[in-house]
Protein backbone atom coordinates (compact mmCIF):
# COMPACT_ATOMS: atom_id res chain seq x y z
CA MET A 1 303.73 64.44 34.82
CA LEU A 2 304.72 68.02 34.22
CA PHE A 3 308.00 67.00 32.59
CA PHE A 4 306.20 64.50 30.38
CA GLY A 5 303.88 67.26 29.21
CA LEU A 6 306.79 69.58 28.56
CA GLY A 7 308.58 66.83 26.67
CA THR A 8 305.68 66.45 24.27
CA LEU A 9 305.62 70.12 23.30
CA PRO A 10 308.39 69.82 20.65
CA ALA A 11 306.59 66.89 19.04
CA LEU A 12 303.31 68.79 19.01
CA GLY A 13 305.03 71.81 17.48
CA LEU A 14 306.62 69.69 14.77
CA SER A 15 303.32 67.99 14.01
CA TYR A 16 301.91 71.44 13.29
CA VAL A 17 304.84 72.80 11.24
CA ILE A 18 305.84 69.77 9.15
CA PRO A 19 302.51 69.23 7.32
CA GLN A 20 302.37 72.89 6.32
CA LYS A 21 305.76 72.65 4.62
CA PHE A 22 304.94 69.49 2.70
CA VAL A 23 301.30 70.05 1.71
CA LEU A 24 302.00 69.84 -2.01
CA LYS A 25 303.96 66.60 -1.69
CA LEU A 26 301.31 64.97 0.50
CA GLN A 27 298.46 65.64 -1.95
CA SER A 28 299.81 63.08 -4.39
CA THR A 29 300.05 60.35 -1.72
CA ARG A 30 296.56 60.73 -0.26
CA TRP A 31 295.66 57.19 -1.33
CA LEU A 32 298.44 55.70 0.81
CA LEU A 33 296.83 56.11 4.24
CA PRO A 34 293.58 54.22 3.45
CA LEU A 35 295.62 51.51 1.74
CA LEU A 36 297.91 51.03 4.74
CA THR A 37 294.97 51.10 7.16
CA GLY A 38 293.19 48.42 5.16
CA LEU A 39 296.34 46.31 4.96
CA VAL A 40 296.88 46.46 8.72
CA GLY A 41 293.22 45.58 9.26
CA ILE A 42 293.50 42.52 7.01
CA LEU A 43 296.67 41.40 8.78
CA LEU A 44 294.99 41.74 12.19
CA VAL A 45 292.01 39.68 11.05
CA LEU A 46 294.27 36.97 9.61
CA ARG A 47 296.30 36.91 12.82
CA GLY A 48 293.14 36.58 14.89
CA LEU A 49 291.92 33.62 12.85
CA THR A 50 294.93 31.51 14.03
CA ILE A 51 294.97 29.45 10.85
CA GLY A 52 298.73 28.93 10.79
CA ILE A 53 299.93 31.13 7.92
CA PRO A 54 303.72 31.44 8.40
CA TYR A 55 304.88 34.87 9.61
CA ILE A 56 301.30 36.18 9.74
CA SER A 57 299.10 33.95 11.86
CA PRO A 58 300.30 31.66 14.66
CA GLN A 59 298.93 28.17 15.00
CA GLU A 60 296.57 27.59 17.91
CA ASN A 61 299.02 25.35 19.77
CA GLN A 62 301.61 28.16 19.75
CA LEU A 63 299.25 30.39 21.72
CA ASN A 64 299.21 28.10 24.76
CA VAL A 65 301.59 29.43 27.37
CA SER A 66 302.78 27.03 30.00
CA PRO A 67 303.56 28.38 33.47
CA VAL A 68 307.20 28.59 34.43
CA SER A 69 308.21 27.84 37.98
CA SER A 70 309.92 30.61 39.87
CA ALA A 71 312.56 30.40 42.54
CA TYR A 72 310.91 33.33 44.32
CA GLU A 73 307.77 33.05 46.37
CA CYS A 74 305.46 35.81 47.43
CA ALA A 75 305.59 36.86 51.05
CA LYS A 76 302.73 35.42 53.06
CA GLU A 77 300.97 37.74 55.40
């Protein structure tokens, strides 16, 4: 756990430094984040409807998972 925390320190440091260097460039693309969030939301709703749109929403019969037999059995106690 300690090493995981230490491993995240460079990413946290970069997340603090990078926006300060590109503040002027990010001001012109402020509209992009709400647009992408809305697009992902719409895609999630369409996927949840399971109406069969290719590459977006699976058909309901594709969601049924059949069990696969295994050669291994659990140990009985």
